């Protein structure tokens, strides 16, 4: 999301490997470049994978420790494995409804977190720009700032009256007109579309405009 005054940055890097079916990704000519492009446009799952592995290792390690302690006839550190298994089988007996609800919510949130990280594509807020010599990755905020500037000039309004939100497949232009000054939404929409076509980002998002019903009092 950007207004015309928002600070943005450009990163140079790659294109997505699956950019266009049946064609080479823009700016890439090798499988290595495709991997770089995918890494630049998708968030890493390394942290989540390490966290999941650490949790599994901790649970397995503790279970092994308690089993070993029981095998040598020593008292358990926390809970005897057999006692723990019996309590799990006997659920929800022995646990208050509120505590049981809290435990269930925590487990559900943790499971949903790992599940979504596993199935969602994890795309970053970036688009790819065509270049014959290099692969270029641009933050969506940079695109939003450029489009907001073009929309502001086409609508003849101030910076604060235009806000552009760029997502993977859509550009939403929000304009607050000046009271008493006519505004042509079609002209603004065409100007933003031309600017976007000149950039040529991939994937090419659809442009929509929304004009506020409440005008702004001009200076």
N, C-alpha and C. Protein backbone atom coordinates (compact mmCIF):
# COMPACT_ATOMS: atom_id res chain seq x y z
N UNK A 1 0.86 -1.17 0.00
CA UNK A 1 0.00 0.00 0.00
C UNK A 1 0.89 1.21 0.00
N UNK A 2 0.53 2.21 -0.84
CA UNK A 2 1.41 3.36 -0.94
C UNK A 2 0.64 4.61 -1.25
N UNK A 3 1.09 5.71 -0.67
CA UNK A 3 0.71 7.03 -1.11
C UNK A 3 1.90 7.59 -1.84
N UNK A 4 1.73 8.73 -2.47
CA UNK A 4 2.78 9.25 -3.32
C UNK A 4 4.04 9.60 -2.55
N UNK A 5 3.93 9.77 -1.25
CA UNK A 5 5.08 10.19 -0.46
C UNK A 5 5.77 9.04 0.23
N UNK A 6 5.36 7.82 -0.01
CA UNK A 6 5.88 6.68 0.74
C UNK A 6 7.30 6.35 0.30
N UNK A 7 8.19 6.05 1.25
CA UNK A 7 9.55 5.63 0.92
C UNK A 7 9.55 4.20 0.47
N UNK A 8 10.24 3.93 -0.63
CA UNK A 8 10.27 2.59 -1.19
C UNK A 8 11.68 2.24 -1.59
N UNK A 9 11.87 0.96 -1.94
CA UNK A 9 13.17 0.50 -2.37
C UNK A 9 13.06 -0.50 -3.47
N UNK A 10 14.08 -0.58 -4.32
CA UNK A 10 14.09 -1.52 -5.43
C UNK A 10 15.17 -2.54 -5.19
N UNK A 11 14.82 -3.81 -5.40
CA UNK A 11 15.80 -4.87 -5.30
C UNK A 11 15.99 -5.50 -6.65
N UNK A 12 17.23 -5.78 -7.01
CA UNK A 12 17.44 -6.44 -8.27
C UNK A 12 17.69 -7.90 -8.00
N UNK A 13 17.15 -8.72 -8.84
CA UNK A 13 17.22 -10.14 -8.65
C UNK A 13 16.41 -10.78 -9.71
N UNK A 14 15.82 -11.84 -9.50
CA UNK A 14 15.28 -12.77 -10.44
C UNK A 14 13.82 -12.77 -10.73
N UNK A 15 13.47 -13.75 -11.57
CA UNK A 15 12.10 -14.01 -11.95
C UNK A 15 11.66 -15.38 -11.51
N UNK A 16 10.36 -15.51 -11.38
CA UNK A 16 9.78 -16.75 -10.91
C UNK A 16 9.95 -17.83 -11.96
N UNK A 17 10.24 -19.04 -11.48
CA UNK A 17 10.52 -20.13 -12.40
C UNK A 17 9.31 -20.48 -13.24
N UNK A 18 8.12 -20.39 -12.67
CA UNK A 18 6.92 -20.76 -13.39
C UNK A 18 6.23 -19.53 -13.95
N UNK A 19 7.00 -18.55 -14.40
CA UNK A 19 6.43 -17.28 -14.82
C UNK A 19 5.37 -17.43 -15.89
N UNK A 20 5.69 -18.02 -17.01
CA UNK A 20 4.72 -18.20 -18.08
C UNK A 20 4.84 -19.62 -18.57
N UNK A 21 3.72 -20.33 -18.61
CA UNK A 21 3.73 -21.72 -19.03
C UNK A 21 4.23 -21.82 -20.46
N UNK A 22 5.22 -22.69 -20.67
CA UNK A 22 5.73 -22.93 -22.01
C UNK A 22 6.74 -21.92 -22.47
N UNK A 23 7.20 -21.00 -21.61
CA UNK A 23 8.19 -20.01 -22.01
C UNK A 23 9.17 -19.80 -20.89
N UNK A 24 10.34 -19.22 -21.25
CA UNK A 24 11.36 -18.93 -20.26
C UNK A 24 10.94 -17.74 -19.42
N UNK A 25 11.23 -17.73 -18.13
CA UNK A 25 10.93 -16.56 -17.30
C UNK A 25 11.71 -15.36 -17.81
N UNK A 26 11.12 -14.18 -17.65
CA UNK A 26 11.78 -12.97 -18.11
C UNK A 26 13.11 -12.78 -17.41
N UNK A 27 14.14 -12.49 -18.21
CA UNK A 27 15.44 -12.20 -17.65
C UNK A 27 16.24 -13.39 -17.21
N UNK A 28 15.74 -14.62 -17.38
CA UNK A 28 16.49 -15.79 -16.94
C UNK A 28 16.77 -16.67 -18.13
N UNK A 29 17.92 -17.34 -18.08
CA UNK A 29 18.25 -18.24 -19.16
C UNK A 29 18.82 -19.54 -18.68
N UNK A 30 18.73 -19.82 -17.39
CA UNK A 30 19.29 -21.03 -16.84
C UNK A 30 18.47 -21.47 -15.65
N UNK A 31 18.61 -22.78 -15.33
CA UNK A 31 17.87 -23.31 -14.19
C UNK A 31 18.31 -22.65 -12.90
N UNK A 32 19.60 -22.30 -12.80
CA UNK A 32 20.08 -21.63 -11.59
C UNK A 32 19.41 -20.29 -11.38
N UNK A 33 19.19 -19.54 -12.48
CA UNK A 33 18.51 -18.26 -12.37
C UNK A 33 17.06 -18.46 -11.92
N UNK A 34 16.43 -19.52 -12.42
CA UNK A 34 15.05 -19.80 -12.01
C UNK A 34 14.96 -20.02 -10.51
N UNK A 35 15.94 -20.74 -9.96
CA UNK A 35 15.93 -20.99 -8.52
C UNK A 35 16.13 -19.69 -7.74
N UNK A 36 16.99 -18.82 -8.25
CA UNK A 36 17.21 -17.54 -7.58
C UNK A 36 15.94 -16.70 -7.61
N UNK A 37 15.27 -16.71 -8.77
CA UNK A 37 14.05 -15.94 -8.90
C UNK A 37 12.98 -16.43 -7.94
N UNK A 38 12.84 -17.72 -7.83
CA UNK A 38 11.84 -18.27 -6.92
C UNK A 38 12.18 -17.94 -5.47
N UNK A 39 13.47 -17.95 -5.14
CA UNK A 39 13.87 -17.62 -3.78
C UNK A 39 13.59 -16.15 -3.47
N UNK A 40 13.72 -15.28 -4.47
CA UNK A 40 13.49 -13.86 -4.26
C UNK A 40 12.01 -13.50 -4.18
N UNK A 41 11.16 -14.30 -4.81
CA UNK A 41 9.73 -13.97 -4.85
C UNK A 41 8.91 -14.81 -3.88
N UNK A 42 9.53 -15.76 -3.20
CA UNK A 42 8.82 -16.59 -2.23
C UNK A 42 9.55 -16.53 -0.89
N UNK A 43 8.79 -16.55 0.18
CA UNK A 43 9.38 -16.52 1.52
C UNK A 43 9.97 -17.88 1.86
N UNK A 44 11.06 -17.85 2.61
CA UNK A 44 11.74 -19.08 2.99
C UNK A 44 10.96 -19.83 4.07
N UNK A 45 10.96 -21.16 3.97
CA UNK A 45 10.31 -22.00 4.99
C UNK A 45 11.34 -22.58 5.95
N UNK A 46 12.59 -22.12 5.87
CA UNK A 46 13.64 -22.71 6.68
C UNK A 46 13.39 -22.55 8.17
N UNK A 47 12.96 -21.35 8.59
CA UNK A 47 12.74 -21.09 10.01
C UNK A 47 11.63 -21.98 10.55
N UNK A 48 10.52 -22.06 9.80
CA UNK A 48 9.40 -22.89 10.24
C UNK A 48 9.80 -24.36 10.26
N UNK A 49 10.56 -24.79 9.27
CA UNK A 49 11.00 -26.19 9.23
C UNK A 49 11.90 -26.52 10.42
N UNK A 50 12.83 -25.62 10.73
CA UNK A 50 13.72 -25.84 11.88
C UNK A 50 12.92 -25.86 13.17
N UNK A 51 11.93 -24.97 13.30
CA UNK A 51 11.10 -24.93 14.50
C UNK A 51 10.32 -26.23 14.66
N UNK A 52 9.72 -26.71 13.58
CA UNK A 52 8.97 -27.97 13.65
C UNK A 52 9.89 -29.14 14.01
N UNK A 53 11.07 -29.17 13.39
CA UNK A 53 12.01 -30.25 13.69
C UNK A 53 12.48 -30.19 15.14
N UNK A 54 12.71 -28.97 15.65
CA UNK A 54 13.15 -28.82 17.04
C UNK A 54 12.08 -29.30 18.01
N UNK A 55 10.82 -28.98 17.72
CA UNK A 55 9.73 -29.42 18.59
C UNK A 55 9.62 -30.94 18.60
N UNK A 56 9.70 -31.54 17.41
CA UNK A 56 9.62 -33.01 17.34
C UNK A 56 10.79 -33.65 18.07
N UNK A 57 11.99 -33.10 17.89
CA UNK A 57 13.17 -33.64 18.57
C UNK A 57 13.05 -33.49 20.08
N UNK A 58 12.51 -32.36 20.53
CA UNK A 58 12.38 -32.15 21.97
C UNK A 58 11.39 -33.14 22.58
N UNK A 59 10.26 -33.35 21.91
CA UNK A 59 9.26 -34.30 22.43
C UNK A 59 9.81 -35.71 22.43
N UNK A 60 10.46 -36.10 21.33
CA UNK A 60 11.02 -37.45 21.25
C UNK A 60 12.15 -37.65 22.26
N UNK A 61 12.98 -36.61 22.42
CA UNK A 61 14.08 -36.71 23.37
C UNK A 61 13.59 -36.85 24.80
N UNK A 62 12.55 -36.07 25.13
CA UNK A 62 11.99 -36.16 26.48
C UNK A 62 11.36 -37.53 26.71
N UNK A 63 10.62 -38.04 25.72
CA UNK A 63 10.00 -39.35 25.85
C UNK A 63 11.07 -40.44 26.02
N UNK A 64 12.16 -40.33 25.27
CA UNK A 64 13.25 -41.30 25.40
C UNK A 64 13.90 -41.21 26.77
N UNK A 65 14.07 -39.99 27.27
CA UNK A 65 14.68 -39.81 28.59
C UNK A 65 13.81 -40.42 29.69
N UNK A 66 12.52 -40.13 29.65
CA UNK A 66 11.62 -40.68 30.67
C UNK A 66 11.57 -42.21 30.59
N UNK A 67 11.62 -42.75 29.37
CA UNK A 67 11.61 -44.20 29.21
C UNK A 67 12.87 -44.82 29.78
N UNK A 68 14.02 -44.16 29.54
CA UNK A 68 15.28 -44.66 30.07
C UNK A 68 15.30 -44.60 31.60
N UNK A 69 14.78 -43.50 32.15
CA UNK A 69 14.73 -43.36 33.61
C UNK A 69 13.85 -44.45 34.22
N UNK A 70 12.72 -44.73 33.57
CA UNK A 70 11.83 -45.78 34.06
C UNK A 70 12.49 -47.15 33.95
N UNK A 71 13.27 -47.34 32.89
CA UNK A 71 13.90 -48.65 32.67
C UNK A 71 14.93 -48.98 33.75
N UNK A 72 15.59 -47.95 34.29
CA UNK A 72 16.60 -48.19 35.33
C UNK A 72 16.01 -48.09 36.73
N UNK A 73 14.68 -47.93 36.81
CA UNK A 73 14.02 -47.92 38.10
C UNK A 73 14.11 -46.63 38.87
N UNK A 74 14.39 -45.53 38.18
CA UNK A 74 14.47 -44.23 38.86
C UNK A 74 13.14 -43.49 38.73
N UNK A 75 12.87 -42.57 39.64
CA UNK A 75 11.61 -41.80 39.55
C UNK A 75 11.62 -40.89 38.32
N UNK A 76 10.47 -40.65 37.74
CA UNK A 76 10.42 -39.82 36.52
C UNK A 76 10.80 -38.39 36.81
N UNK A 77 11.30 -37.71 35.78
CA UNK A 77 11.66 -36.31 35.92
C UNK A 77 10.42 -35.45 36.05
N UNK A 78 9.46 -35.67 35.17
CA UNK A 78 8.21 -34.91 35.21
C UNK A 78 7.00 -35.82 35.32
N UNK A 79 6.77 -36.62 34.30
CA UNK A 79 5.62 -37.51 34.28
C UNK A 79 6.06 -38.88 33.77
N UNK A 80 5.62 -39.91 34.48
CA UNK A 80 5.91 -41.27 34.04
C UNK A 80 5.21 -41.53 32.71
N UNK A 81 5.90 -42.14 31.70
CA UNK A 81 5.28 -42.37 30.40
C UNK A 81 3.96 -43.14 30.47
N UNK A 82 3.89 -44.16 31.31
CA UNK A 82 2.66 -44.93 31.41
C UNK A 82 1.54 -44.08 32.01
N UNK A 83 1.88 -43.30 33.03
CA UNK A 83 0.88 -42.42 33.65
C UNK A 83 0.39 -41.38 32.65
N UNK A 84 1.33 -40.81 31.86
CA UNK A 84 0.94 -39.82 30.86
C UNK A 84 0.02 -40.43 29.81
N UNK A 85 0.32 -41.65 29.38
CA UNK A 85 -0.52 -42.32 28.39
C UNK A 85 -1.92 -42.59 28.95
N UNK A 86 -1.98 -42.98 30.20
CA UNK A 86 -3.29 -43.25 30.82
C UNK A 86 -4.11 -41.97 30.94
N UNK A 87 -3.45 -40.85 31.25
CA UNK A 87 -4.18 -39.59 31.37
C UNK A 87 -4.69 -39.12 30.01
N UNK A 88 -3.88 -39.34 28.98
CA UNK A 88 -4.33 -38.95 27.63
C UNK A 88 -5.54 -39.77 27.21
N UNK A 89 -5.50 -41.07 27.50
CA UNK A 89 -6.63 -41.93 27.14
C UNK A 89 -7.88 -41.55 27.92
N UNK A 90 -7.68 -41.10 29.16
CA UNK A 90 -8.82 -40.79 30.02
C UNK A 90 -9.40 -39.40 29.79
N UNK A 91 -8.77 -38.59 28.90
CA UNK A 91 -9.29 -37.25 28.65
C UNK A 91 -10.75 -37.29 28.21
N UNK A 92 -11.57 -36.31 28.63
CA UNK A 92 -11.21 -35.09 29.38
C UNK A 92 -11.28 -35.23 30.89
N UNK A 93 -11.33 -36.46 31.41
CA UNK A 93 -11.40 -36.65 32.86
C UNK A 93 -10.14 -36.10 33.52
N UNK A 94 -10.31 -35.46 34.65
CA UNK A 94 -9.18 -34.96 35.42
C UNK A 94 -8.71 -33.58 35.04
N UNK A 95 -9.30 -32.98 34.01
CA UNK A 95 -8.89 -31.64 33.57
C UNK A 95 -10.13 -30.76 33.51
N UNK A 96 -10.01 -29.57 34.05
CA UNK A 96 -11.13 -28.64 34.05
C UNK A 96 -11.50 -28.21 32.64
N UNK A 97 -12.77 -27.87 32.40
CA UNK A 97 -13.20 -27.46 31.06
C UNK A 97 -12.44 -26.26 30.52
N UNK A 98 -12.16 -25.27 31.36
CA UNK A 98 -11.46 -24.08 30.91
C UNK A 98 -10.03 -24.41 30.47
N UNK A 99 -9.31 -25.20 31.30
CA UNK A 99 -7.95 -25.59 30.96
C UNK A 99 -7.94 -26.44 29.69
N UNK A 100 -8.90 -27.32 29.58
CA UNK A 100 -8.98 -28.16 28.39
C UNK A 100 -9.22 -27.31 27.14
N UNK A 101 -10.05 -26.28 27.27
CA UNK A 101 -10.32 -25.38 26.15
C UNK A 101 -9.06 -24.62 25.74
N UNK A 102 -8.32 -24.14 26.74
CA UNK A 102 -7.10 -23.39 26.45
C UNK A 102 -6.08 -24.28 25.74
N UNK A 103 -5.91 -25.49 26.24
CA UNK A 103 -4.96 -26.42 25.60
C UNK A 103 -5.39 -26.72 24.17
N UNK A 104 -6.69 -26.95 23.97
CA UNK A 104 -7.17 -27.24 22.62
C UNK A 104 -6.96 -26.07 21.67
N UNK A 105 -7.19 -24.84 22.15
CA UNK A 105 -6.99 -23.67 21.29
C UNK A 105 -5.53 -23.50 20.92
N UNK A 106 -4.64 -23.68 21.89
CA UNK A 106 -3.20 -23.55 21.62
C UNK A 106 -2.75 -24.59 20.60
N UNK A 107 -3.17 -25.83 20.78
CA UNK A 107 -2.79 -26.89 19.84
C UNK A 107 -3.36 -26.61 18.45
N UNK A 108 -4.60 -26.13 18.40
CA UNK A 108 -5.23 -25.83 17.10
C UNK A 108 -4.50 -24.69 16.39
N UNK A 109 -4.11 -23.65 17.12
CA UNK A 109 -3.40 -22.53 16.51
C UNK A 109 -2.03 -22.97 15.99
N UNK A 110 -1.33 -23.77 16.80
CA UNK A 110 -0.02 -24.26 16.37
C UNK A 110 -0.16 -25.14 15.13
N UNK A 111 -1.15 -26.02 15.13
CA UNK A 111 -1.36 -26.88 13.97
C UNK A 111 -1.73 -26.09 12.73
N UNK A 112 -2.57 -25.07 12.89
CA UNK A 112 -2.96 -24.24 11.75
C UNK A 112 -1.78 -23.45 11.22
N UNK A 113 -0.92 -22.98 12.12
CA UNK A 113 0.26 -22.24 11.70
C UNK A 113 1.17 -23.09 10.81
N UNK A 114 1.48 -24.29 11.26
CA UNK A 114 2.35 -25.17 10.47
C UNK A 114 1.66 -25.64 9.19
N UNK A 115 0.35 -25.88 9.26
CA UNK A 115 -0.38 -26.34 8.08
C UNK A 115 -0.39 -25.26 6.99
N UNK A 116 -0.68 -24.02 7.38
CA UNK A 116 -0.72 -22.94 6.39
C UNK A 116 0.64 -22.68 5.80
N UNK A 117 1.68 -22.78 6.61
CA UNK A 117 3.03 -22.60 6.08
C UNK A 117 3.41 -23.70 5.11
N UNK A 118 2.79 -24.86 5.26
CA UNK A 118 3.10 -25.99 4.39
C UNK A 118 2.36 -25.91 3.06
N UNK A 119 1.11 -25.43 3.07
CA UNK A 119 0.29 -25.50 1.85
C UNK A 119 0.22 -24.17 1.09
N UNK A 120 0.40 -23.04 1.76
CA UNK A 120 0.32 -21.77 1.07
C UNK A 120 1.59 -21.50 0.27
N UNK A 121 1.47 -20.78 -0.85
CA UNK A 121 2.65 -20.54 -1.70
C UNK A 121 3.70 -19.67 -1.05
N UNK A 122 3.31 -18.81 -0.11
CA UNK A 122 4.30 -17.98 0.58
C UNK A 122 4.95 -16.95 -0.32
N UNK A 123 4.17 -16.35 -1.20
CA UNK A 123 4.73 -15.35 -2.12
C UNK A 123 4.96 -14.04 -1.40
N UNK A 124 6.06 -13.40 -1.74
CA UNK A 124 6.36 -12.08 -1.20
C UNK A 124 5.65 -11.01 -2.02
N UNK A 125 5.54 -9.82 -1.43
CA UNK A 125 4.88 -8.70 -2.11
C UNK A 125 5.85 -8.09 -3.12
N UNK A 126 6.09 -8.84 -4.19
CA UNK A 126 7.02 -8.40 -5.22
C UNK A 126 6.51 -8.80 -6.60
N UNK A 127 6.94 -8.05 -7.61
CA UNK A 127 6.65 -8.37 -9.00
C UNK A 127 7.96 -8.40 -9.78
N UNK A 128 7.92 -9.05 -10.91
CA UNK A 128 9.09 -9.17 -11.77
C UNK A 128 8.98 -8.19 -12.93
N UNK A 129 10.09 -7.54 -13.28
CA UNK A 129 10.12 -6.61 -14.40
C UNK A 129 11.00 -7.17 -15.51
N UNK A 130 10.59 -6.98 -16.76
CA UNK A 130 11.38 -7.51 -17.88
C UNK A 130 12.66 -6.73 -18.09
N UNK A 131 13.72 -7.44 -18.37
CA UNK A 131 15.02 -6.83 -18.67
C UNK A 131 15.83 -7.83 -19.47
N UNK A 132 16.50 -7.36 -20.52
CA UNK A 132 17.25 -8.27 -21.38
C UNK A 132 18.58 -8.69 -20.76
N UNK A 133 19.11 -7.88 -19.86
CA UNK A 133 20.43 -8.16 -19.32
C UNK A 133 20.41 -8.73 -17.91
N UNK A 134 19.36 -8.46 -17.19
CA UNK A 134 19.33 -8.90 -15.78
C UNK A 134 17.90 -9.22 -15.39
N UNK A 135 17.78 -9.97 -14.33
CA UNK A 135 16.47 -10.25 -13.75
C UNK A 135 16.22 -9.22 -12.65
N UNK A 136 15.04 -8.62 -12.67
CA UNK A 136 14.74 -7.52 -11.75
C UNK A 136 13.50 -7.86 -10.94
N UNK A 137 13.62 -7.74 -9.64
CA UNK A 137 12.50 -7.94 -8.72
C UNK A 137 12.21 -6.60 -8.04
N UNK A 138 10.95 -6.19 -8.08
CA UNK A 138 10.56 -4.89 -7.52
C UNK A 138 9.49 -5.10 -6.45
N UNK A 139 9.67 -4.43 -5.33
CA UNK A 139 8.66 -4.48 -4.27
C UNK A 139 7.36 -3.85 -4.76
N UNK A 140 6.25 -4.37 -4.30
CA UNK A 140 4.95 -3.83 -4.68
C UNK A 140 4.80 -2.38 -4.23
N UNK A 141 5.48 -1.99 -3.16
CA UNK A 141 5.40 -0.61 -2.69
C UNK A 141 6.01 0.36 -3.70
N UNK A 142 7.04 -0.09 -4.39
CA UNK A 142 7.65 0.75 -5.42
C UNK A 142 6.68 0.97 -6.56
N UNK A 143 6.02 -0.09 -7.00
CA UNK A 143 5.03 0.02 -8.06
C UNK A 143 3.88 0.90 -7.61
N UNK A 144 3.44 0.72 -6.37
CA UNK A 144 2.34 1.52 -5.84
C UNK A 144 2.69 3.00 -5.81
N UNK A 145 3.92 3.34 -5.45
CA UNK A 145 4.33 4.74 -5.40
C UNK A 145 4.31 5.36 -6.79
N UNK A 146 4.80 4.63 -7.80
CA UNK A 146 4.80 5.16 -9.16
C UNK A 146 3.39 5.34 -9.69
N UNK A 147 2.53 4.37 -9.43
CA UNK A 147 1.14 4.47 -9.89
C UNK A 147 0.39 5.58 -9.16
N UNK A 148 0.68 5.77 -7.88
CA UNK A 148 0.03 6.84 -7.13
C UNK A 148 0.43 8.20 -7.68
N UNK A 149 1.67 8.33 -8.10
CA UNK A 149 2.12 9.60 -8.67
C UNK A 149 1.40 9.88 -9.99
N UNK A 150 1.28 8.84 -10.82
CA UNK A 150 0.59 9.02 -12.10
C UNK A 150 -0.90 9.33 -11.88
N UNK A 151 -1.53 8.64 -10.94
CA UNK A 151 -2.94 8.89 -10.66
C UNK A 151 -3.14 10.30 -10.11
N UNK A 152 -2.22 10.77 -9.28
CA UNK A 152 -2.34 12.11 -8.72
C UNK A 152 -2.28 13.17 -9.81
N UNK A 153 -1.35 12.99 -10.76
CA UNK A 153 -1.24 13.96 -11.85
C UNK A 153 -2.47 13.92 -12.75
N UNK A 154 -2.99 12.71 -13.01
CA UNK A 154 -4.16 12.60 -13.89
C UNK A 154 -5.41 13.16 -13.23
N UNK A 155 -5.52 13.02 -11.93
CA UNK A 155 -6.70 13.50 -11.21
C UNK A 155 -6.57 14.95 -10.75
N UNK A 156 -5.33 15.48 -10.83
CA UNK A 156 -5.06 16.85 -10.39
C UNK A 156 -5.45 17.06 -8.93
N UNK A 157 -4.95 16.17 -8.09
CA UNK A 157 -5.21 16.25 -6.66
C UNK A 157 -3.88 16.21 -5.92
N UNK A 158 -3.94 16.34 -4.60
CA UNK A 158 -2.72 16.32 -3.79
C UNK A 158 -2.30 14.89 -3.49
N UNK A 159 -1.14 14.78 -2.92
CA UNK A 159 -0.59 13.47 -2.60
C UNK A 159 -1.46 12.71 -1.62
N UNK A 160 -2.01 13.43 -0.64
CA UNK A 160 -2.81 12.77 0.40
C UNK A 160 -4.15 12.27 -0.11
N UNK A 161 -4.55 12.67 -1.30
CA UNK A 161 -5.85 12.28 -1.82
C UNK A 161 -5.81 11.01 -2.67
N UNK A 162 -4.65 10.45 -2.85
CA UNK A 162 -4.51 9.24 -3.67
C UNK A 162 -3.80 8.17 -2.86
N UNK A 163 -4.37 7.00 -2.85
CA UNK A 163 -3.73 5.85 -2.23
C UNK A 163 -3.86 4.66 -3.17
N UNK A 164 -2.76 3.96 -3.39
CA UNK A 164 -2.74 2.82 -4.30
C UNK A 164 -2.30 1.58 -3.53
N UNK A 165 -3.05 0.52 -3.68
CA UNK A 165 -2.73 -0.75 -3.05
C UNK A 165 -2.45 -1.76 -4.16
N UNK A 166 -1.26 -2.34 -4.13
CA UNK A 166 -0.84 -3.31 -5.15
C UNK A 166 -0.74 -4.69 -4.52
N UNK A 167 -1.45 -5.63 -5.09
CA UNK A 167 -1.32 -7.03 -4.70
C UNK A 167 -0.85 -7.83 -5.91
N UNK A 168 -0.80 -9.12 -5.77
CA UNK A 168 -0.25 -9.94 -6.85
C UNK A 168 -1.04 -9.78 -8.14
N UNK A 169 -2.37 -9.78 -8.06
CA UNK A 169 -3.20 -9.76 -9.27
C UNK A 169 -4.12 -8.56 -9.37
N UNK A 170 -3.94 -7.56 -8.49
CA UNK A 170 -4.86 -6.43 -8.53
C UNK A 170 -4.17 -5.16 -8.06
N UNK A 171 -4.54 -4.07 -8.72
CA UNK A 171 -4.12 -2.73 -8.30
C UNK A 171 -5.38 -1.95 -7.99
N UNK A 172 -5.51 -1.49 -6.76
CA UNK A 172 -6.68 -0.71 -6.34
C UNK A 172 -6.26 0.74 -6.14
N UNK A 173 -6.85 1.63 -6.94
CA UNK A 173 -6.55 3.06 -6.85
C UNK A 173 -7.70 3.75 -6.13
N UNK A 174 -7.42 4.33 -4.99
CA UNK A 174 -8.42 5.05 -4.20
C UNK A 174 -8.15 6.55 -4.31
N UNK A 175 -9.15 7.28 -4.78
CA UNK A 175 -9.00 8.72 -4.99
C UNK A 175 -10.08 9.47 -4.22
N UNK A 176 -9.66 10.49 -3.50
CA UNK A 176 -10.60 11.40 -2.84
C UNK A 176 -10.59 12.71 -3.61
N UNK A 177 -11.65 13.02 -4.31
CA UNK A 177 -11.65 14.23 -5.16
C UNK A 177 -11.70 15.50 -4.32
N UNK A 178 -11.37 16.59 -4.98
CA UNK A 178 -11.48 17.90 -4.34
C UNK A 178 -12.90 18.42 -4.54
N UNK A 179 -13.50 18.91 -3.49
CA UNK A 179 -14.88 19.39 -3.56
C UNK A 179 -14.99 20.54 -4.58
N UNK A 180 -15.98 20.41 -5.46
CA UNK A 180 -16.21 21.44 -6.47
C UNK A 180 -15.38 21.30 -7.72
N UNK A 181 -14.44 20.34 -7.75
CA UNK A 181 -13.59 20.13 -8.92
C UNK A 181 -13.99 18.80 -9.55
N UNK A 182 -14.43 18.81 -10.81
CA UNK A 182 -14.85 17.55 -11.45
C UNK A 182 -13.68 16.60 -11.61
N UNK A 183 -13.97 15.32 -11.46
CA UNK A 183 -12.96 14.28 -11.58
C UNK A 183 -13.43 13.25 -12.60
N UNK A 184 -12.55 12.87 -13.52
CA UNK A 184 -12.88 11.88 -14.53
C UNK A 184 -12.21 10.55 -14.16
N UNK A 185 -12.95 9.63 -13.56
CA UNK A 185 -12.36 8.35 -13.16
C UNK A 185 -11.76 7.58 -14.32
N UNK A 186 -12.41 7.65 -15.51
CA UNK A 186 -11.89 6.91 -16.67
C UNK A 186 -10.52 7.41 -17.08
N UNK A 187 -10.32 8.72 -17.01
CA UNK A 187 -9.02 9.28 -17.38
C UNK A 187 -7.94 8.83 -16.40
N UNK A 188 -8.28 8.82 -15.12
CA UNK A 188 -7.32 8.36 -14.11
C UNK A 188 -7.01 6.88 -14.31
N UNK A 189 -8.04 6.10 -14.57
CA UNK A 189 -7.84 4.67 -14.77
C UNK A 189 -6.97 4.40 -15.99
N UNK A 190 -7.21 5.11 -17.09
CA UNK A 190 -6.39 4.93 -18.29
C UNK A 190 -4.94 5.33 -18.04
N UNK A 191 -4.73 6.41 -17.29
CA UNK A 191 -3.36 6.84 -17.00
C UNK A 191 -2.62 5.80 -16.17
N UNK A 192 -3.28 5.24 -15.18
CA UNK A 192 -2.65 4.21 -14.34
C UNK A 192 -2.36 2.96 -15.17
N UNK A 193 -3.29 2.58 -16.03
CA UNK A 193 -3.08 1.40 -16.87
C UNK A 193 -1.90 1.59 -17.81
N UNK A 194 -1.78 2.79 -18.40
CA UNK A 194 -0.64 3.04 -19.30
C UNK A 194 0.68 2.96 -18.53
N UNK A 195 0.69 3.54 -17.33
CA UNK A 195 1.92 3.47 -16.52
C UNK A 195 2.28 2.03 -16.20
N UNK A 196 1.27 1.23 -15.89
CA UNK A 196 1.51 -0.17 -15.56
C UNK A 196 1.99 -0.94 -16.78
N UNK A 197 1.43 -0.64 -17.94
CA UNK A 197 1.86 -1.31 -19.17
C UNK A 197 3.30 -0.95 -19.51
N UNK A 198 3.70 0.28 -19.23
CA UNK A 198 5.09 0.68 -19.48
C UNK A 198 6.05 -0.06 -18.56
N UNK A 199 5.62 -0.29 -17.32
CA UNK A 199 6.47 -1.06 -16.39
C UNK A 199 6.56 -2.51 -16.83
N UNK A 200 5.43 -3.10 -17.23
CA UNK A 200 5.39 -4.50 -17.64
C UNK A 200 5.67 -5.48 -16.53
N UNK A 201 5.09 -5.33 -15.34
CA UNK A 201 5.37 -6.29 -14.27
C UNK A 201 4.72 -7.63 -14.55
N UNK A 202 5.35 -8.69 -14.03
CA UNK A 202 4.73 -10.03 -14.11
C UNK A 202 4.52 -10.56 -12.70
N UNK A 203 3.35 -11.11 -12.39
CA UNK A 203 2.15 -11.13 -13.25
C UNK A 203 1.52 -9.76 -13.38
N UNK A 204 0.86 -9.51 -14.51
CA UNK A 204 0.25 -8.22 -14.75
C UNK A 204 -1.05 -8.12 -13.96
N UNK A 205 -1.12 -7.21 -12.99
CA UNK A 205 -2.35 -7.10 -12.18
C UNK A 205 -3.44 -6.31 -12.90
N UNK A 206 -4.66 -6.53 -12.48
CA UNK A 206 -5.81 -5.80 -13.00
C UNK A 206 -5.99 -4.51 -12.22
N UNK A 207 -6.26 -3.43 -12.92
CA UNK A 207 -6.38 -2.12 -12.29
C UNK A 207 -7.85 -1.79 -12.06
N UNK A 208 -8.15 -1.35 -10.85
CA UNK A 208 -9.49 -0.88 -10.51
C UNK A 208 -9.37 0.44 -9.78
N UNK A 209 -10.39 1.26 -9.93
CA UNK A 209 -10.38 2.58 -9.30
C UNK A 209 -11.62 2.75 -8.45
N UNK A 210 -11.45 3.41 -7.32
CA UNK A 210 -12.55 3.70 -6.42
C UNK A 210 -12.49 5.17 -6.03
N UNK A 211 -13.52 5.90 -6.38
CA UNK A 211 -13.57 7.33 -6.07
C UNK A 211 -14.44 7.54 -4.85
N UNK A 212 -13.90 8.20 -3.85
CA UNK A 212 -14.63 8.44 -2.61
C UNK A 212 -15.79 9.40 -2.84
N UNK A 213 -16.88 9.14 -2.16
CA UNK A 213 -18.06 10.03 -2.27
C UNK A 213 -17.87 11.31 -1.47
N UNK A 214 -16.96 11.29 -0.50
CA UNK A 214 -16.69 12.47 0.33
C UNK A 214 -15.49 13.20 -0.25
N UNK A 215 -15.72 14.43 -0.67
CA UNK A 215 -14.64 15.22 -1.26
C UNK A 215 -13.80 15.89 -0.19
N UNK A 216 -12.67 16.43 -0.66
CA UNK A 216 -11.74 17.14 0.21
C UNK A 216 -11.82 18.63 -0.12
N UNK A 217 -11.88 19.45 0.91
CA UNK A 217 -11.94 20.89 0.70
C UNK A 217 -10.60 21.40 0.21
N UNK A 218 -10.59 22.04 -0.93
CA UNK A 218 -9.34 22.54 -1.52
C UNK A 218 -8.78 23.71 -0.75
N UNK A 219 -7.47 23.88 -0.89
CA UNK A 219 -6.79 24.98 -0.18
C UNK A 219 -7.13 26.32 -0.83
